C-alpha atoms as a PDB file:
ATOM      1  CA  MET A   1      30.885 -38.705 -27.781  1.00  0.00           C
ATOM      2  CA  VAL A   2      33.365 -37.727 -30.458  1.00  0.00           C
ATOM      3  CA  LYS A   3      32.016 -37.696 -33.960  1.00  0.00           C
ATOM      4  CA  ARG A   4      34.265 -39.522 -36.403  1.00  0.00           C
ATOM      5  CA  ARG A   5      34.974 -38.083 -39.812  1.00  0.00           C
ATOM      6  CA  ARG A   6      33.961 -40.127 -42.792  1.00  0.00           C
ATOM      7  CA  ARG A   7      36.985 -40.856 -44.906  1.00  0.00           C
ATOM      8  CA  PHE A   8      36.723 -41.156 -48.654  1.00  0.00           C
ATOM      9  CA  LYS A   9      39.557 -42.372 -50.835  1.00  0.00           C
ATOM     10  CA  GLN A  10      39.647 -40.350 -54.054  1.00  0.00           C
ATOM     11  CA  THR A  11      39.992 -42.462 -57.183  1.00  0.00           C
ATOM     12  CA  THR A  12      41.069 -39.564 -59.403  1.00  0.00           C
ATOM     13  CA  THR A  13      43.559 -36.757 -58.865  1.00  0.00           C
ATOM     14  CA  LEU A  14      42.511 -33.260 -57.936  1.00  0.00           C
ATOM     15  CA  ALA A  15      43.674 -32.024 -61.337  1.00  0.00           C
ATOM     16  CA  GLN A  16      41.497 -34.588 -63.116  1.00  0.00           C
ATOM     17  CA  ARG A  17      38.455 -33.658 -61.029  1.00  0.00           C
ATOM     18  CA  LEU A  18      39.020 -29.932 -61.598  1.00  0.00           C
ATOM     19  CA  THR A  19      39.478 -30.437 -65.353  1.00  0.00           C
ATOM     20  CA  GLN A  20      36.276 -32.439 -65.497  1.00  0.00           C
ATOM     21  CA  GLU A  21      34.413 -29.762 -63.523  1.00  0.00           C
ATOM     22  CA  ALA A  22      35.713 -26.999 -65.817  1.00  0.00           C
ATOM     23  CA  SER A  23      34.587 -28.959 -68.876  1.00  0.00           C
ATOM     24  CA  HIS A  24      31.139 -29.485 -67.376  1.00  0.00           C
ATOM     25  CA  LEU A  25      30.846 -25.796 -66.477  1.00  0.00           C
ATOM     26  CA  ARG A  26      31.903 -24.690 -69.977  1.00  0.00           C
ATOM     27  CA  LYS A  27      29.129 -26.793 -71.501  1.00  0.00           C
ATOM     28  CA  GLU A  28      26.673 -25.281 -69.033  1.00  0.00           C
ATOM     29  CA  ALA A  29      27.855 -21.723 -69.760  1.00  0.00           C
ATOM     30  CA  ARG A  30      27.504 -22.229 -73.511  1.00  0.00           C
ATOM     31  CA  SER A  31      23.938 -23.465 -73.082  1.00  0.00           C
ATOM     32  CA  LEU A  32      22.897 -20.405 -71.065  1.00  0.00           C
ATOM     33  CA  SER A  33      21.874 -17.152 -72.671  1.00  0.00           C
ATOM     34  CA  PRO A  34      24.039 -14.116 -71.845  1.00  0.00           C
ATOM     35  CA  GLY A  35      23.149 -12.690 -68.467  1.00  0.00           C
ATOM     36  CA  PRO A  36      23.959 -12.867 -64.777  1.00  0.00           C
ATOM     37  CA  GLU A  37      23.614 -16.658 -64.549  1.00  0.00           C
ATOM     38  CA  GLN A  38      26.094 -17.195 -67.379  1.00  0.00           C
ATOM     39  CA  ALA A  39      28.464 -14.652 -65.812  1.00  0.00           C
ATOM     40  CA  LEU A  40      28.402 -16.602 -62.547  1.00  0.00           C
ATOM     41  CA  VAL A  41      29.232 -19.836 -64.365  1.00  0.00           C
ATOM     42  CA  TRP A  42      32.154 -18.173 -66.194  1.00  0.00           C
ATOM     43  CA  ARG A  43      33.384 -16.853 -62.848  1.00  0.00           C
ATOM     44  CA  LYS A  44      33.274 -20.371 -61.412  1.00  0.00           C
ATOM     45  CA  ILE A  45      35.241 -21.610 -64.458  1.00  0.00           C
ATOM     46  CA  ARG A  46      37.954 -19.021 -63.772  1.00  0.00           C
ATOM     47  CA  GLN A  47      38.081 -20.153 -60.128  1.00  0.00           C
ATOM     48  CA  VAL A  48      38.487 -23.783 -61.175  1.00  0.00           C
ATOM     49  CA  GLU A  49      41.231 -22.855 -63.659  1.00  0.00           C
ATOM     50  CA  THR A  50      43.027 -20.895 -60.936  1.00  0.00           C
ATOM     51  CA  ALA A  51      42.792 -23.904 -58.640  1.00  0.00           C
ATOM     52  CA  LEU A  52      44.311 -26.015 -61.429  1.00  0.00           C
ATOM     53  CA  ARG A  53      47.243 -23.606 -61.746  1.00  0.00           C
ATOM     54  CA  PHE A  54      47.807 -23.654 -57.986  1.00  0.00           C
ATOM     55  CA  ASP A  55      47.631 -27.438 -57.928  1.00  0.00           C
ATOM     56  CA  ALA A  56      50.198 -27.642 -60.717  1.00  0.00           C
ATOM     57  CA  TRP A  57      52.447 -25.188 -58.897  1.00  0.00           C
ATOM     58  CA  LEU A  58      52.162 -27.080 -55.594  1.00  0.00           C
ATOM     59  CA  THR A  59      52.947 -30.454 -57.140  1.00  0.00           C
ATOM     60  CA  VAL A  60      56.276 -29.122 -58.479  1.00  0.00           C
ATOM     61  CA  PRO A  61      57.796 -27.414 -55.421  1.00  0.00           C
ATOM     62  CA  ARG A  62      60.858 -25.938 -57.180  1.00  0.00           C
ATOM     63  CA  GLU A  63      58.917 -23.596 -59.458  1.00  0.00           C
ATOM     64  CA  PRO A  64      58.523 -19.970 -58.328  1.00  0.00           C
ATOM     65  CA  PRO A  65      54.984 -18.901 -57.415  1.00  0.00           C
ATOM     66  CA  PRO A  66      52.815 -17.530 -60.224  1.00  0.00           C
ATOM     67  CA  LYS A  67      52.884 -13.720 -60.473  1.00  0.00           C
ATOM     68  CA  GLU A  68      49.208 -13.458 -59.588  1.00  0.00           C
ATOM     69  CA  ALA A  69      49.836 -15.535 -56.435  1.00  0.00           C
ATOM     70  CA  ALA A  70      52.763 -13.455 -55.175  1.00  0.00           C
ATOM     71  CA  PRO A  71      50.587 -10.832 -53.399  1.00  0.00           C
ATOM     72  CA  LEU A  72      48.587 -13.614 -51.749  1.00  0.00           C
ATOM     73  CA  MET A  73      51.719 -15.419 -50.606  1.00  0.00           C
ATOM     74  CA  ASN A  74      53.152 -12.246 -49.010  1.00  0.00           C
ATOM     75  CA  ASN A  75      50.069 -11.888 -46.803  1.00  0.00           C
ATOM     76  CA  TRP A  76      50.576 -15.376 -45.336  1.00  0.00           C
ATOM     77  CA  ARG A  77      54.060 -14.705 -44.005  1.00  0.00           C
END
């Protein structure tokens, strides 16, 4: 028997969800005392912000890739 995937229609854009997640994580990071837990949250914030930049780049196909993405893009070819 083939298992069917559950489909879920997103009501907000990826950019909106990522922005909301970054905002939530910033509040969490500010509430934590300096240490490894806070560092992990700040790292996650940077990952979300990078995802936002990639999403923005992918939605406008005529822009050149960001400089930090160029090495990644060369490995995919």
